[in-house]
Structures are given as C-alpha cells and as structure tokens.
Amino acid sequence: YSLVELLNEAKERSLALQVSNLEVELSNQDVRSAVSDMFPNLESSVTTSMLDPELARVSNGQNPEFSTTGNLTLSQVVYSQNILTNIYIQRALKDAQLSTNRNDELDVILDAANAYFNALIARSNLEITVQNREVTRRNLQIAQQNYEAGLTGKSDVLRFQSKMAQDAQTMVETVSLLEFSFSEIHKLTKDG
C-alpha cells in the first residue's frame, strides 16, 4: 500500500465511518421533514351511499338511490414559532452530526496514517537490526582471530558473543513489531 491507498481503503472499510455517514443522512431527512411542515397541506375525502331502490322510488326523488359527497381542504401554515424552532433545531443537529462525521473521518485517517508509519518505522528498524547483527558477527570473527593470534584476551570474544545474543533478541522483537504493524494495517483495510 501507498499512504494514499491505505487512507482511502481505511475510509471505505471503516464501519464506524459508514454508520456516521448514515447518521448524517438521517439528519438531512429530519431537516427535510421539519421544513415540510411549512408546505401546504391538501386533504380530500369522498363518501358514497346507496339506498334500497324501492325506498328511493317511494321517496319521490327526495332520497336518491346513489349519492356521493366530496370534501377538499387546503391549509397553509403562515407562521408557527414551534415549526420554525423545530426547523432551526433540526438544522443545528444536522450541523453537529456533520462535525461528528468529519471528526470520525479524521480519526480513521489518523489511525491509518499511524499504522502506516509504524510499519515503515518497524521495517526500517528491522533493516538496521540486520545490519547491526552483521557488523557484530564480523567483529566477533575479528575478535576470535585476534584471540587465536594471541593479540587479545578471551573477554573480547565473549563480549561479541553476548552482543550477538542481544542482537538476536532485538531481531525477534523487531520482527514481532513489524508483524504487529502489518496486522494493524490489515485490520484497517478488511471491514472494520
């Protein structure tokens, strides 16, 4: 991964960020719903009745056999402090949710960048550890040659053998940190 690829992948895969995006959509819907209270309202109703044909004939036209009654009502809110306050509150809540969403996105970016740079640091540390171990190995060979030639005592050889053991331990720790860094990157790029 490059840093940009990792950041994009982490943003796409973050479940927390997906939830935050959905909450922004819900906030937008709440604002639309609050604003819709100011729109005109149209209501209609229709009532149909049917009388027995014999009863309608006996009434001499006073009661028809079929009758239909319709009602159409149009209303418009001109001013309502409650509705305006609700619109204002819903817009403020939407703005707060947008800020929370941006904060969540920045958290995901920060976590991904930290994981990426930790992996780079761990990889560089591993390379340095490998180089240090090689230098210690060469110094041990030189110390053994000097000891065999009688130029130095056994203490130099033992010191470099101890350093080789320390370098081996450092290498194991460095490899573990590198593997941990890779697992952190894997977690960020594989669904959450």
C-alpha atoms as a PDB file:
ATOM      1  CA  TYR A   1       0.000   0.000   0.000  1.00  0.00           C
ATOM      2  CA  SER A   2       0.982   3.591  -0.516  1.00  0.00           C
ATOM      3  CA  LEU A   3      -0.138   6.015   2.169  1.00  0.00           C
ATOM      4  CA  VAL A   4      -2.920   7.455  -0.015  1.00  0.00           C
ATOM      5  CA  GLU A   5      -4.183   3.975  -0.962  1.00  0.00           C
ATOM      6  CA  LEU A   6      -4.216   2.933   2.683  1.00  0.00           C
ATOM      7  CA  LEU A   7      -6.104   6.069   3.753  1.00  0.00           C
ATOM      8  CA  ASN A   8      -8.722   5.611   1.029  1.00  0.00           C
ATOM      9  CA  GLU A   9      -9.124   1.904   1.778  1.00  0.00           C
ATOM     10  CA  ALA A  10      -9.454   2.555   5.513  1.00  0.00           C
ATOM     11  CA  LYS A  11     -12.120   5.220   4.914  1.00  0.00           C
ATOM     12  CA  GLU A  12     -14.081   2.889   2.621  1.00  0.00           C
ATOM     13  CA  ARG A  13     -13.899  -0.075   5.020  1.00  0.00           C
ATOM     14  CA  SER A  14     -14.486   1.680   8.350  1.00  0.00           C
ATOM     15  CA  LEU A  15     -17.796   0.512   9.788  1.00  0.00           C
ATOM     16  CA  ALA A  16     -17.816   3.389  12.278  1.00  0.00           C
ATOM     17  CA  LEU A  17     -17.498   5.860   9.418  1.00  0.00           C
ATOM     18  CA  GLN A  18     -20.250   4.127   7.454  1.00  0.00           C
ATOM     19  CA  VAL A  19     -22.556   4.414  10.486  1.00  0.00           C
ATOM     20  CA  SER A  20     -21.613   8.070  10.857  1.00  0.00           C
ATOM     21  CA  ASN A  21     -22.427   8.687   7.171  1.00  0.00           C
ATOM     22  CA  LEU A  22     -25.851   7.099   7.660  1.00  0.00           C
ATOM     23  CA  GLU A  23     -26.463   9.305  10.684  1.00  0.00           C
ATOM     24  CA  VAL A  24     -25.731  12.360   8.512  1.00  0.00           C
ATOM     25  CA  GLU A  25     -28.313  11.120   6.008  1.00  0.00           C
ATOM     26  CA  LEU A  26     -30.851  10.698   8.818  1.00  0.00           C
ATOM     27  CA  SER A  27     -30.124  14.237   9.981  1.00  0.00           C
ATOM     28  CA  ASN A  28     -30.739  15.525   6.452  1.00  0.00           C
ATOM     29  CA  GLN A  29     -34.035  13.634   6.374  1.00  0.00           C
ATOM     30  CA  ASP A  30     -35.037  15.159   9.731  1.00  0.00           C
ATOM     31  CA  VAL A  31     -34.386  18.644   8.330  1.00  0.00           C
ATOM     32  CA  ARG A  32     -36.476  17.904   5.228  1.00  0.00           C
ATOM     33  CA  SER A  33     -39.265  16.579   7.421  1.00  0.00           C
ATOM     34  CA  ALA A  34     -39.201  19.680   9.637  1.00  0.00           C
ATOM     35  CA  VAL A  35     -39.270  22.010   6.608  1.00  0.00           C
ATOM     36  CA  SER A  36     -42.177  20.061   5.093  1.00  0.00           C
ATOM     37  CA  ASP A  37     -44.386  21.234   7.974  1.00  0.00           C
ATOM     38  CA  MET A  38     -44.377  24.662   6.300  1.00  0.00           C
ATOM     39  CA  PHE A  39     -45.670  23.287   2.968  1.00  0.00           C
ATOM     40  CA  PRO A  40     -49.368  23.484   2.019  1.00  0.00           C
ATOM     41  CA  ASN A  41     -51.466  20.542   3.168  1.00  0.00           C
ATOM     42  CA  LEU A  42     -54.220  19.152   0.914  1.00  0.00           C
ATOM     43  CA  GLU A  43     -56.789  16.712   2.297  1.00  0.00           C
ATOM     44  CA  SER A  44     -59.630  15.078   0.420  1.00  0.00           C
ATOM     45  CA  SER A  45     -62.442  12.720   1.310  1.00  0.00           C
ATOM     46  CA  VAL A  46     -65.248  11.083  -0.645  1.00  0.00           C
ATOM     47  CA  THR A  47     -68.380   9.461   0.770  1.00  0.00           C
ATOM     48  CA  THR A  48     -70.745   7.350  -1.334  1.00  0.00           C
ATOM     49  CA  SER A  49     -74.060   5.977  -0.184  1.00  0.00           C
ATOM     50  CA  MET A  50     -76.607   3.689  -1.781  1.00  0.00           C
ATOM     51  CA  LEU A  51     -80.259   3.270  -0.805  1.00  0.00           C
ATOM     52  CA  ASP A  52     -82.547   0.407  -1.471  1.00  0.00           C
ATOM     53  CA  PRO A  53     -84.072   1.041  -4.935  1.00  0.00           C
ATOM     54  CA  GLU A  54     -87.615   0.561  -3.571  1.00  0.00           C
ATOM     55  CA  LEU A  55     -87.053   3.107  -0.779  1.00  0.00           C
ATOM     56  CA  ALA A  56     -85.628   5.652  -3.253  1.00  0.00           C
ATOM     57  CA  ARG A  57     -88.671   5.259  -5.532  1.00  0.00           C
ATOM     58  CA  VAL A  58     -91.127   5.677  -2.634  1.00  0.00           C
ATOM     59  CA  SER A  59     -89.442   8.947  -1.518  1.00  0.00           C
ATOM     60  CA  ASN A  60     -90.415  10.631  -4.809  1.00  0.00           C
ATOM     61  CA  GLY A  61     -86.899  11.967  -5.546  1.00  0.00           C
ATOM     62  CA  GLN A  62     -86.154  13.180  -2.004  1.00  0.00           C
ATOM     63  CA  ASN A  63     -83.643  10.358  -1.374  1.00  0.00           C
ATOM     64  CA  PRO A  64     -81.622   9.298  -4.430  1.00  0.00           C
ATOM     65  CA  GLU A  65     -80.633   5.711  -4.918  1.00  0.00           C
ATOM     66  CA  PHE A  66     -76.925   6.712  -5.249  1.00  0.00           C
ATOM     67  CA  SER A  67     -75.321   9.788  -3.678  1.00  0.00           C
ATOM     68  CA  THR A  68     -71.717  10.925  -3.489  1.00  0.00           C
ATOM     69  CA  THR A  69     -70.329  13.677  -1.283  1.00  0.00           C
ATOM     70  CA  GLY A  70     -66.810  15.057  -1.681  1.00  0.00           C
ATOM     71  CA  ASN A  71     -64.693  17.301   0.533  1.00  0.00           C
ATOM     72  CA  LEU A  72     -61.396  19.013  -0.397  1.00  0.00           C
ATOM     73  CA  THR A  73     -59.439  21.030   2.184  1.00  0.00           C
ATOM     74  CA  LEU A  74     -56.297  23.084   1.539  1.00  0.00           C
ATOM     75  CA  SER A  75     -54.421  24.549   4.503  1.00  0.00           C
ATOM     76  CA  GLN A  76     -51.208  26.512   4.726  1.00  0.00           C
ATOM     77  CA  VAL A  77     -49.238  27.452   7.831  1.00  0.00           C
ATOM     78  CA  VAL A  78     -48.407  31.139   7.592  1.00  0.00           C
ATOM     79  CA  TYR A  79     -46.398  31.433  10.795  1.00  0.00           C
ATOM     80  CA  SER A  80     -45.681  28.983  13.581  1.00  0.00           C
ATOM     81  CA  GLN A  81     -42.966  29.588  16.125  1.00  0.00           C
ATOM     82  CA  ASN A  82     -42.944  25.894  17.039  1.00  0.00           C
ATOM     83  CA  ILE A  83     -42.374  24.813  13.432  1.00  0.00           C
ATOM     84  CA  LEU A  84     -39.668  27.438  12.863  1.00  0.00           C
ATOM     85  CA  THR A  85     -37.940  26.447  16.101  1.00  0.00           C
ATOM     86  CA  ASN A  86     -38.066  22.783  15.080  1.00  0.00           C
ATOM     87  CA  ILE A  87     -36.506  23.639  11.698  1.00  0.00           C
ATOM     88  CA  TYR A  88     -33.746  25.615  13.423  1.00  0.00           C
ATOM     89  CA  ILE A  89     -33.086  22.777  15.900  1.00  0.00           C
ATOM     90  CA  GLN A  90     -33.012  20.116  13.171  1.00  0.00           C
ATOM     91  CA  ARG A  91     -30.545  22.183  11.131  1.00  0.00           C
ATOM     92  CA  ALA A  92     -28.339  22.669  14.203  1.00  0.00           C
ATOM     93  CA  LEU A  93     -28.465  18.919  14.906  1.00  0.00           C
ATOM     94  CA  LYS A  94     -27.534  18.238  11.269  1.00  0.00           C
ATOM     95  CA  ASP A  95     -24.552  20.603  11.533  1.00  0.00           C
ATOM     96  CA  ALA A  96     -23.465  18.869  14.746  1.00  0.00           C
ATOM     97  CA  GLN A  97     -23.767  15.477  13.042  1.00  0.00           C
ATOM     98  CA  LEU A  98     -21.686  16.726  10.111  1.00  0.00           C
ATOM     99  CA  SER A  99     -18.986  17.828  12.565  1.00  0.00           C
ATOM    100  CA  THR A 100     -19.096  14.450  14.289  1.00  0.00           C
ATOM    101  CA  ASN A 101     -18.867  12.729  10.914  1.00  0.00           C
ATOM    102  CA  ARG A 102     -15.834  14.808   9.930  1.00  0.00           C
ATOM    103  CA  ASN A 103     -14.246  14.028  13.291  1.00  0.00           C
ATOM    104  CA  ASP A 104     -14.868  10.291  12.753  1.00  0.00           C
ATOM    105  CA  GLU A 105     -13.323  10.515   9.284  1.00  0.00           C
ATOM    106  CA  LEU A 106     -10.244  12.275  10.652  1.00  0.00           C
ATOM    107  CA  ASP A 107      -9.926   9.612  13.374  1.00  0.00           C
ATOM    108  CA  VAL A 108      -9.909   6.888  10.714  1.00  0.00           C
ATOM    109  CA  ILE A 109      -7.302   8.801   8.708  1.00  0.00           C
ATOM    110  CA  LEU A 110      -5.145   9.303  11.810  1.00  0.00           C
ATOM    111  CA  ASP A 111      -5.338   5.617  12.758  1.00  0.00           C
ATOM    112  CA  ALA A 112      -4.451   4.549   9.216  1.00  0.00           C
ATOM    113  CA  ALA A 113      -1.548   7.011   8.974  1.00  0.00           C
ATOM    114  CA  ASN A 114      -0.219   5.884  12.371  1.00  0.00           C
ATOM    115  CA  ALA A 115      -0.396   2.237  11.318  1.00  0.00           C
ATOM    116  CA  TYR A 116       1.354   3.023   8.029  1.00  0.00           C
ATOM    117  CA  PHE A 117       4.168   4.999   9.646  1.00  0.00           C
ATOM    118  CA  ASN A 118       4.567   2.421  12.417  1.00  0.00           C
ATOM    119  CA  ALA A 119       5.025  -0.238   9.743  1.00  0.00           C
ATOM    120  CA  LEU A 120       7.617   1.905   7.957  1.00  0.00           C
ATOM    121  CA  ILE A 121       9.470   2.507  11.226  1.00  0.00           C
ATOM    122  CA  ALA A 122       9.363  -1.198  12.087  1.00  0.00           C
ATOM    123  CA  ARG A 123      10.661  -2.152   8.651  1.00  0.00           C
ATOM    124  CA  SER A 124      13.498   0.382   8.916  1.00  0.00           C
ATOM    125  CA  ASN A 125      14.323  -0.857  12.412  1.00  0.00           C
ATOM    126  CA  LEU A 126      14.488  -4.416  11.089  1.00  0.00           C
ATOM    127  CA  GLU A 127      16.913  -3.378   8.366  1.00  0.00           C
ATOM    128  CA  ILE A 128      19.068  -1.559  10.930  1.00  0.00           C
ATOM    129  CA  THR A 129      18.957  -4.578  13.250  1.00  0.00           C
ATOM    130  CA  VAL A 130      20.048  -6.899  10.431  1.00  0.00           C
ATOM    131  CA  GLN A 131      22.935  -4.556   9.589  1.00  0.00           C
ATOM    132  CA  ASN A 132      23.949  -4.269  13.262  1.00  0.00           C
ATOM    133  CA  ARG A 133      23.906  -8.046  13.618  1.00  0.00           C
ATOM    134  CA  GLU A 134      26.119  -8.420  10.558  1.00  0.00           C
ATOM    135  CA  VAL A 135      28.598  -5.880  11.985  1.00  0.00           C
ATOM    136  CA  THR A 136      28.602  -7.714  15.322  1.00  0.00           C
ATOM    137  CA  ARG A 137      29.180 -11.032  13.516  1.00  0.00           C
ATOM    138  CA  ARG A 138      32.187  -9.584  11.676  1.00  0.00           C
ATOM    139  CA  ASN A 139      33.539  -8.067  14.903  1.00  0.00           C
ATOM    140  CA  LEU A 140      33.171 -11.477  16.590  1.00  0.00           C
ATOM    141  CA  GLN A 141      35.168 -13.101  13.783  1.00  0.00           C
ATOM    142  CA  ILE A 142      37.868 -10.458  14.139  1.00  0.00           C
ATOM    143  CA  ALA A 143      37.913 -10.900  17.932  1.00  0.00           C
ATOM    144  CA  GLN A 144      38.236 -14.697  17.520  1.00  0.00           C
ATOM    145  CA  GLN A 145      41.085 -14.265  15.044  1.00  0.00           C
ATOM    146  CA  ASN A 146      42.838 -11.821  17.384  1.00  0.00           C
ATOM    147  CA  TYR A 147      42.353 -14.226  20.298  1.00  0.00           C
ATOM    148  CA  GLU A 148      43.725 -17.149  18.307  1.00  0.00           C
ATOM    149  CA  ALA A 149      46.680 -14.989  17.272  1.00  0.00           C
ATOM    150  CA  GLY A 150      47.240 -14.048  20.917  1.00  0.00           C
ATOM    151  CA  LEU A 151      46.655 -10.329  20.371  1.00  0.00           C
ATOM    152  CA  THR A 152      43.687 -10.028  22.776  1.00  0.00           C
ATOM    153  CA  GLY A 153      42.146 -11.897  25.636  1.00  0.00           C
ATOM    154  CA  LYS A 154      39.020 -14.080  25.741  1.00  0.00           C
ATOM    155  CA  SER A 155      36.949 -11.116  27.046  1.00  0.00           C
ATOM    156  CA  ASP A 156      36.583  -9.559  23.555  1.00  0.00           C
ATOM    157  CA  VAL A 157      35.272 -12.822  22.125  1.00  0.00           C
ATOM    158  CA  LEU A 158      32.806 -13.233  24.998  1.00  0.00           C
ATOM    159  CA  ARG A 159      31.683  -9.611  24.703  1.00  0.00           C
ATOM    160  CA  PHE A 160      30.864 -10.041  20.998  1.00  0.00           C
ATOM    161  CA  GLN A 161      29.148 -13.393  21.634  1.00  0.00           C
ATOM    162  CA  SER A 162      26.971 -11.627  24.212  1.00  0.00           C
ATOM    163  CA  LYS A 163      26.287  -8.849  21.712  1.00  0.00           C
ATOM    164  CA  MET A 164      25.263 -11.451  19.091  1.00  0.00           C
ATOM    165  CA  ALA A 165      22.739 -12.899  21.550  1.00  0.00           C
ATOM    166  CA  GLN A 166      21.391  -9.415  22.280  1.00  0.00           C
ATOM    167  CA  ASP A 167      21.149  -8.714  18.539  1.00  0.00           C
ATOM    168  CA  ALA A 168      19.213 -11.963  18.043  1.00  0.00           C
ATOM    169  CA  GLN A 169      16.758 -10.940  20.756  1.00  0.00           C
ATOM    170  CA  THR A 170      16.427  -7.455  19.243  1.00  0.00           C
ATOM    171  CA  MET A 171      15.766  -9.009  15.833  1.00  0.00           C
ATOM    172  CA  VAL A 172      12.964 -11.194  17.232  1.00  0.00           C
ATOM    173  CA  GLU A 173      11.379  -8.153  18.900  1.00  0.00           C
ATOM    174  CA  THR A 174      11.718  -6.075  15.734  1.00  0.00           C
ATOM    175  CA  VAL A 175      10.135  -8.796  13.574  1.00  0.00           C
ATOM    176  CA  SER A 176       7.288  -9.045  16.097  1.00  0.00           C
ATOM    177  CA  LEU A 177       6.714  -5.270  15.904  1.00  0.00           C
ATOM    178  CA  LEU A 178       6.732  -5.417  12.106  1.00  0.00           C
ATOM    179  CA  GLU A 179       4.184  -8.255  12.098  1.00  0.00           C
ATOM    180  CA  PHE A 180       2.023  -6.339  14.572  1.00  0.00           C
ATOM    181  CA  SER A 181       2.179  -3.250  12.327  1.00  0.00           C
ATOM    182  CA  PHE A 182       1.096  -5.328   9.346  1.00  0.00           C
ATOM    183  CA  SER A 183      -1.792  -6.791  11.339  1.00  0.00           C
ATOM    184  CA  GLU A 184      -2.933  -3.266  12.265  1.00  0.00           C
ATOM    185  CA  ILE A 185      -2.936  -2.294   8.595  1.00  0.00           C
ATOM    186  CA  HIS A 186      -4.846  -5.479   7.761  1.00  0.00           C
ATOM    187  CA  LYS A 187      -7.487  -4.640  10.386  1.00  0.00           C
ATOM    188  CA  LEU A 188      -7.982  -1.180   8.884  1.00  0.00           C
ATOM    189  CA  THR A 189      -8.388  -2.478   5.348  1.00  0.00           C
ATOM    190  CA  LYS A 190     -10.579  -5.529   5.958  1.00  0.00           C
ATOM    191  CA  ASP A 191     -14.071  -4.418   7.012  1.00  0.00           C
ATOM    192  CA  GLY A 192     -13.520  -2.512  10.153  1.00  0.00           C
END
